[in-house]
């Protein structure tokens, strides 16, 4: 069965960095797009970034563009989110998601979390001094 296990969350200071990892299993990883989304305390799930199946195309929410980088290693069934220049507003539970096809659903330059096929359990990122 599909499994997505996120790791790498923790406490970071404003301006600091964290690297999130997502280990995937139970499906042919290299044929599916992958997504990162986050949920801040008391808020809904918001799309952050996505990458297509071979890693050649990446997409970012305006709020993280230039600070976050998504990547994947299809040989290791891993997807990553490098987060730099962290801000307190980046504090959230971060989820890794498997899409239904090789390309992520991007509408108007933004991902659509309602179309994501499967989500992991999340990893908590807290940005605070």
C-alpha atoms as a PDB file:
ATOM      1  CA  UNK A   1       0.000   0.000   0.000  1.00  0.00           C
ATOM      2  CA  UNK A   2       1.047   3.605  -0.509  1.00  0.00           C
ATOM      3  CA  UNK A   3       3.141   5.041   2.301  1.00  0.00           C
ATOM      4  CA  UNK A   4       4.635   8.499   2.616  1.00  0.00           C
ATOM      5  CA  UNK A   5       6.772   9.269   5.669  1.00  0.00           C
ATOM      6  CA  UNK A   6       7.929  12.834   6.241  1.00  0.00           C
ATOM      7  CA  UNK A   7      10.903  13.790   8.388  1.00  0.00           C
ATOM      8  CA  UNK A   8      13.239  16.692   9.038  1.00  0.00           C
ATOM      9  CA  UNK A   9      10.904  19.058  10.815  1.00  0.00           C
ATOM     10  CA  UNK A  10      11.849  20.844  14.006  1.00  0.00           C
ATOM     11  CA  UNK A  11      12.572  24.219  15.514  1.00  0.00           C
ATOM     12  CA  UNK A  12      14.405  26.817  13.455  1.00  0.00           C
ATOM     13  CA  UNK A  13      15.214  30.456  14.047  1.00  0.00           C
ATOM     14  CA  UNK A  14      13.975  33.119  11.658  1.00  0.00           C
ATOM     15  CA  UNK A  15      16.389  33.247   8.750  1.00  0.00           C
ATOM     16  CA  UNK A  16      17.434  29.673   9.323  1.00  0.00           C
ATOM     17  CA  UNK A  17      17.094  26.565   7.192  1.00  0.00           C
ATOM     18  CA  UNK A  18      15.562  23.119   7.362  1.00  0.00           C
ATOM     19  CA  UNK A  19      15.439  20.252   4.888  1.00  0.00           C
ATOM     20  CA  UNK A  20      12.349  18.111   4.842  1.00  0.00           C
ATOM     21  CA  UNK A  21      12.441  14.590   3.443  1.00  0.00           C
ATOM     22  CA  UNK A  22       9.658  12.282   2.323  1.00  0.00           C
ATOM     23  CA  UNK A  23      10.225   8.554   1.913  1.00  0.00           C
ATOM     24  CA  UNK A  24       7.781   6.926  -0.494  1.00  0.00           C
ATOM     25  CA  UNK A  25       6.859   3.276  -0.883  1.00  0.00           C
ATOM     26  CA  UNK A  26       4.089   1.064  -2.221  1.00  0.00           C
ATOM     27  CA  UNK A  27       3.908   2.569  -5.709  1.00  0.00           C
ATOM     28  CA  UNK A  28       6.111   3.240  -8.748  1.00  0.00           C
ATOM     29  CA  UNK A  29       7.547   6.474  -7.420  1.00  0.00           C
ATOM     30  CA  UNK A  30       9.270   7.615 -10.620  1.00  0.00           C
ATOM     31  CA  UNK A  31       5.975   7.814 -12.535  1.00  0.00           C
ATOM     32  CA  UNK A  32       4.114  10.205 -10.228  1.00  0.00           C
ATOM     33  CA  UNK A  33       4.352  13.901  -9.476  1.00  0.00           C
ATOM     34  CA  UNK A  34       4.832  14.809  -5.829  1.00  0.00           C
ATOM     35  CA  UNK A  35       3.628  17.745  -3.760  1.00  0.00           C
ATOM     36  CA  UNK A  36       4.351  19.515  -0.486  1.00  0.00           C
ATOM     37  CA  UNK A  37       1.576  21.309   1.379  1.00  0.00           C
ATOM     38  CA  UNK A  38       1.322  22.814   4.860  1.00  0.00           C
ATOM     39  CA  UNK A  39      -1.253  23.511   7.514  1.00  0.00           C
ATOM     40  CA  UNK A  40      -0.664  26.321   9.967  1.00  0.00           C
ATOM     41  CA  UNK A  41      -2.325  26.191  13.391  1.00  0.00           C
ATOM     42  CA  UNK A  42      -6.041  26.828  13.001  1.00  0.00           C
ATOM     43  CA  UNK A  43      -5.808  27.140   9.213  1.00  0.00           C
ATOM     44  CA  UNK A  44      -6.608  24.956   6.231  1.00  0.00           C
ATOM     45  CA  UNK A  45      -4.207  22.951   4.074  1.00  0.00           C
ATOM     46  CA  UNK A  46      -2.263  25.150   1.670  1.00  0.00           C
ATOM     47  CA  UNK A  47      -0.233  24.061  -1.335  1.00  0.00           C
ATOM     48  CA  UNK A  48       3.506  24.872  -1.130  1.00  0.00           C
ATOM     49  CA  UNK A  49       5.352  23.207  -4.003  1.00  0.00           C
ATOM     50  CA  UNK A  50       5.213  20.410  -6.557  1.00  0.00           C
ATOM     51  CA  UNK A  51       7.531  18.504  -8.861  1.00  0.00           C
ATOM     52  CA  UNK A  52       6.763  16.368 -11.872  1.00  0.00           C
ATOM     53  CA  UNK A  53       7.691  12.715 -12.126  1.00  0.00           C
ATOM     54  CA  UNK A  54      11.175  13.111 -13.599  1.00  0.00           C
ATOM     55  CA  UNK A  55      12.045  16.247 -11.678  1.00  0.00           C
ATOM     56  CA  UNK A  56      12.328  18.459 -14.745  1.00  0.00           C
ATOM     57  CA  UNK A  57       9.538  20.844 -13.734  1.00  0.00           C
ATOM     58  CA  UNK A  58       9.022  22.475 -10.344  1.00  0.00           C
ATOM     59  CA  UNK A  59       6.314  24.804  -9.059  1.00  0.00           C
ATOM     60  CA  UNK A  60       6.096  27.060  -5.999  1.00  0.00           C
ATOM     61  CA  UNK A  61       3.573  29.105  -4.104  1.00  0.00           C
ATOM     62  CA  UNK A  62       4.364  32.818  -4.242  1.00  0.00           C
ATOM     63  CA  UNK A  63       4.895  32.841  -0.469  1.00  0.00           C
ATOM     64  CA  UNK A  64       7.892  30.470  -0.712  1.00  0.00           C
ATOM     65  CA  UNK A  65       9.285  31.223  -4.170  1.00  0.00           C
ATOM     66  CA  UNK A  66      13.004  32.005  -4.006  1.00  0.00           C
ATOM     67  CA  UNK A  67      13.320  30.525  -0.502  1.00  0.00           C
ATOM     68  CA  UNK A  68      12.210  26.892  -0.874  1.00  0.00           C
ATOM     69  CA  UNK A  69      13.493  24.289  -3.319  1.00  0.00           C
ATOM     70  CA  UNK A  70      11.769  21.013  -4.110  1.00  0.00           C
ATOM     71  CA  UNK A  71      13.741  18.074  -5.485  1.00  0.00           C
ATOM     72  CA  UNK A  72      13.473  14.316  -5.825  1.00  0.00           C
ATOM     73  CA  UNK A  73      15.692  11.272  -6.095  1.00  0.00           C
ATOM     74  CA  UNK A  74      13.860   8.596  -8.057  1.00  0.00           C
ATOM     75  CA  UNK A  75      16.571   6.022  -7.342  1.00  0.00           C
ATOM     76  CA  UNK A  76      15.897   6.386  -3.607  1.00  0.00           C
ATOM     77  CA  UNK A  77      12.125   7.041  -3.770  1.00  0.00           C
ATOM     78  CA  UNK A  78      12.632  10.332  -1.933  1.00  0.00           C
ATOM     79  CA  UNK A  79      11.330  13.851  -2.313  1.00  0.00           C
ATOM     80  CA  UNK A  80      12.827  16.818  -0.489  1.00  0.00           C
ATOM     81  CA  UNK A  81      11.953  20.368   0.438  1.00  0.00           C
ATOM     82  CA  UNK A  82      14.922  22.621   1.200  1.00  0.00           C
ATOM     83  CA  UNK A  83      13.647  25.605   3.171  1.00  0.00           C
ATOM     84  CA  UNK A  84      15.885  28.655   3.529  1.00  0.00           C
ATOM     85  CA  UNK A  85      15.334  32.130   4.954  1.00  0.00           C
ATOM     86  CA  UNK A  86      12.603  30.757   7.168  1.00  0.00           C
ATOM     87  CA  UNK A  87       9.986  33.113   8.582  1.00  0.00           C
ATOM     88  CA  UNK A  88       7.663  32.703  11.582  1.00  0.00           C
ATOM     89  CA  UNK A  89       4.757  32.452   9.124  1.00  0.00           C
ATOM     90  CA  UNK A  90       6.304  29.259   7.740  1.00  0.00           C
ATOM     91  CA  UNK A  91       5.371  27.534  11.007  1.00  0.00           C
ATOM     92  CA  UNK A  92       3.081  24.653  10.082  1.00  0.00           C
ATOM     93  CA  UNK A  93       2.635  20.932   9.771  1.00  0.00           C
ATOM     94  CA  UNK A  94       4.180  20.007   6.413  1.00  0.00           C
ATOM     95  CA  UNK A  95       2.718  17.165   4.361  1.00  0.00           C
ATOM     96  CA  UNK A  96       4.111  15.222   1.433  1.00  0.00           C
ATOM     97  CA  UNK A  97       1.605  14.157  -1.195  1.00  0.00           C
ATOM     98  CA  UNK A  98       1.426  11.784  -4.145  1.00  0.00           C
ATOM     99  CA  UNK A  99      -0.351  13.078  -7.227  1.00  0.00           C
ATOM    100  CA  UNK A 100      -2.509  11.014  -9.584  1.00  0.00           C
ATOM    101  CA  UNK A 101      -0.295  11.469 -12.628  1.00  0.00           C
ATOM    102  CA  UNK A 102       3.143  12.367 -13.880  1.00  0.00           C
ATOM    103  CA  UNK A 103       2.410  16.097 -13.781  1.00  0.00           C
ATOM    104  CA  UNK A 104       0.956  17.934 -10.781  1.00  0.00           C
ATOM    105  CA  UNK A 105      -2.397  19.701 -11.106  1.00  0.00           C
ATOM    106  CA  UNK A 106      -1.419  23.337 -11.555  1.00  0.00           C
ATOM    107  CA  UNK A 107      -4.158  25.895 -12.155  1.00  0.00           C
ATOM    108  CA  UNK A 108      -3.263  29.539 -12.555  1.00  0.00           C
ATOM    109  CA  UNK A 109       0.261  28.811 -11.387  1.00  0.00           C
ATOM    110  CA  UNK A 110      -0.922  27.199  -8.175  1.00  0.00           C
ATOM    111  CA  UNK A 111      -1.363  23.602  -7.082  1.00  0.00           C
ATOM    112  CA  UNK A 112      -4.719  22.141  -6.114  1.00  0.00           C
ATOM    113  CA  UNK A 113      -4.479  20.112  -2.918  1.00  0.00           C
ATOM    114  CA  UNK A 114      -7.983  18.688  -3.402  1.00  0.00           C
ATOM    115  CA  UNK A 115      -6.664  16.650  -6.348  1.00  0.00           C
ATOM    116  CA  UNK A 116      -3.775  15.075  -4.444  1.00  0.00           C
ATOM    117  CA  UNK A 117      -4.150  11.321  -4.317  1.00  0.00           C
ATOM    118  CA  UNK A 118      -2.518  10.512  -0.954  1.00  0.00           C
ATOM    119  CA  UNK A 119      -0.906  12.387   1.941  1.00  0.00           C
ATOM    120  CA  UNK A 120       1.611  11.408   4.570  1.00  0.00           C
ATOM    121  CA  UNK A 121       1.159  12.147   8.285  1.00  0.00           C
ATOM    122  CA  UNK A 122       3.230  15.303   8.257  1.00  0.00           C
ATOM    123  CA  UNK A 123       6.245  16.790  10.023  1.00  0.00           C
ATOM    124  CA  UNK A 124       6.066  19.873  12.219  1.00  0.00           C
ATOM    125  CA  UNK A 125       8.123  22.954  11.417  1.00  0.00           C
ATOM    126  CA  UNK A 126       8.308  25.730  13.996  1.00  0.00           C
ATOM    127  CA  UNK A 127      10.087  28.979  13.214  1.00  0.00           C
ATOM    128  CA  UNK A 128      10.674  31.058  16.303  1.00  0.00           C
ATOM    129  CA  UNK A 129      13.413  32.942  18.089  1.00  0.00           C
END
